Amino acid sequence: MTVEVNDDRGIVTVLQDDRYIVSKEFVESDESLDRLRHLGEYVGILLGKARLVVIAPMERAVDLRLRMLELNNHWLFYYQLYYYDDGGRLHLLDRAEWRRLRGLPKEEEWRPEVA
């Protein structure tokens, strides 16, 4: 396992036999998310069939999830997205939590209007 930390981003890489990437976890900040290259890095990890975990600030996680959904169109959907709140607690950002953060009703409560 290797850990890289710089001023605005942390990366944890789990290796098998010190050669093959099994998992890569990114702890992003507002500053690191402003750079465009991170989505390309995520794609590279997913194409290598490794597990991807991205942890982002709560204020940016909703938009990041929308960008990451673009990967699903290319069958690159085996990732997990978390956000951290002001207290540093981690929360899984699944569809239901994403809807809650956006202020949308729960899916079972939402009904389209039929004209």
Protein backbone atom coordinates (compact mmCIF):
# COMPACT_ATOMS: atom_id res chain seq x y z
CA MET A 1 0.00 0.00 0.00
CA THR A 2 1.25 3.47 -0.83
CA VAL A 3 -0.01 6.79 0.46
CA GLU A 4 0.58 10.08 -1.33
CA VAL A 5 -0.38 13.38 0.23
CA ASN A 6 0.15 16.82 -1.22
CA ASP A 7 -1.29 20.21 -0.35
CA ASP A 8 -4.78 19.56 -1.65
CA ARG A 9 -5.20 15.83 -2.31
CA GLY A 10 -4.57 12.42 -0.80
CA ILE A 11 -4.22 9.15 -2.72
CA VAL A 12 -4.15 5.65 -1.24
CA THR A 13 -3.07 2.88 -3.61
CA VAL A 14 -3.38 -0.81 -2.74
CA LEU A 15 -1.03 -3.02 -4.73
CA GLN A 16 -0.86 -6.77 -5.21
CA ASP A 17 2.67 -8.15 -5.37
CA ASP A 18 3.89 -4.52 -5.41
CA ARG A 19 2.96 -4.34 -9.11
CA TYR A 20 -0.76 -4.56 -9.76
CA ILE A 21 -3.18 -1.87 -8.64
CA VAL A 22 -6.08 -3.46 -6.78
CA SER A 23 -7.65 -0.27 -5.44
CA LYS A 24 -7.08 3.46 -5.60
CA GLU A 25 -8.77 5.92 -3.27
CA PHE A 26 -8.74 9.68 -3.78
CA VAL A 27 -9.48 12.18 -1.05
CA GLU A 28 -10.25 15.33 -2.99
CA SER A 29 -10.49 18.95 -1.88
CA ASP A 30 -12.10 21.98 -3.49
CA GLU A 31 -8.76 22.89 -5.04
CA SER A 32 -8.03 19.44 -6.44
CA LEU A 33 -11.51 19.16 -7.96
CA ASP A 34 -10.93 22.39 -9.88
CA ARG A 35 -8.36 20.61 -12.02
CA LEU A 36 -9.80 18.85 -15.05
CA ARG A 37 -7.42 15.89 -15.06
CA HIS A 38 -9.00 13.97 -12.20
CA LEU A 39 -11.77 12.42 -14.32
CA GLY A 40 -9.14 11.10 -16.73
CA GLU A 41 -7.27 9.56 -13.82
CA TYR A 42 -10.45 7.86 -12.65
CA VAL A 43 -11.05 6.42 -16.13
CA GLY A 44 -7.53 4.99 -16.24
CA ILE A 45 -8.06 3.19 -12.95
CA LEU A 46 -11.43 1.79 -13.99
CA LEU A 47 -10.07 0.62 -17.35
CA GLY A 48 -7.37 -1.22 -15.41
CA LYS A 49 -10.18 -3.09 -13.59
CA ALA A 50 -9.17 -1.68 -10.21
CA ARG A 51 -11.56 -0.52 -7.50
CA LEU A 52 -12.04 3.24 -7.38
CA VAL A 53 -13.18 5.25 -4.37
CA VAL A 54 -13.52 9.03 -4.50
CA ILE A 55 -14.09 11.12 -1.38
CA ALA A 56 -15.08 14.75 -1.95
CA PRO A 57 -16.28 17.73 0.09
CA MET A 58 -20.05 17.71 0.62
CA GLU A 59 -20.51 20.97 -1.29
CA ARG A 60 -18.89 19.50 -4.42
CA ALA A 61 -20.06 15.88 -4.22
CA VAL A 62 -23.44 16.43 -5.88
CA ASP A 63 -21.87 17.90 -9.02
CA LEU A 64 -19.06 15.34 -9.00
CA ARG A 65 -21.61 12.51 -8.99
CA LEU A 66 -23.24 13.94 -12.09
CA ARG A 67 -19.88 14.07 -13.87
CA MET A 68 -19.04 10.53 -12.80
CA LEU A 69 -22.37 9.25 -14.12
CA GLU A 70 -20.96 9.97 -17.59
CA LEU A 71 -18.59 7.06 -16.97
CA ASN A 72 -21.59 4.74 -16.63
CA ASN A 73 -22.33 5.32 -20.32
CA HIS A 74 -19.01 3.59 -21.07
CA TRP A 75 -19.68 0.68 -18.68
CA LEU A 76 -17.28 2.15 -16.11
CA PHE A 77 -19.61 2.07 -13.14
CA TYR A 78 -17.63 0.10 -10.55
CA TYR A 79 -16.70 2.96 -8.27
CA GLN A 80 -17.87 4.35 -4.94
CA LEU A 81 -18.37 8.01 -4.17
CA TYR A 82 -18.34 9.41 -0.64
CA TYR A 83 -18.52 12.91 0.75
CA TYR A 84 -17.21 14.33 3.98
CA ASP A 85 -19.10 16.88 6.03
CA ASP A 86 -17.78 19.77 8.14
CA GLY A 87 -17.12 17.39 11.02
CA GLY A 88 -15.00 15.11 8.82
CA ARG A 89 -17.54 12.27 8.84
CA LEU A 90 -17.83 10.15 5.70
CA HIS A 91 -21.15 9.47 4.00
CA LEU A 92 -21.83 7.21 1.02
CA LEU A 93 -23.23 9.23 -1.86
CA ASP A 94 -25.66 6.82 -3.46
CA ARG A 95 -28.70 7.82 -5.49
CA ALA A 96 -30.97 8.31 -2.48
CA GLU A 97 -28.42 10.49 -0.66
CA TRP A 98 -27.75 12.46 -3.83
CA ARG A 99 -31.47 13.19 -4.15
CA ARG A 100 -31.61 14.26 -0.50
CA LEU A 101 -28.68 16.67 -0.92
CA ARG A 102 -30.28 18.13 -4.05
CA GLY A 103 -33.53 18.70 -2.16
CA LEU A 104 -35.46 16.24 -4.31
CA PRO A 105 -38.19 13.98 -2.91
CA LYS A 106 -37.50 10.34 -2.27
CA GLU A 107 -38.05 8.27 -5.38
CA GLU A 108 -41.01 6.34 -4.01
CA GLU A 109 -42.77 9.64 -3.26
CA TRP A 110 -42.16 11.13 -6.69
CA ARG A 111 -44.82 10.51 -9.30
CA PRO A 112 -44.77 12.08 -12.76
CA GLU A 113 -47.83 14.01 -13.77
CA VAL A 114 -49.79 12.36 -16.52
CA ALA A 115 -51.70 14.72 -18.77
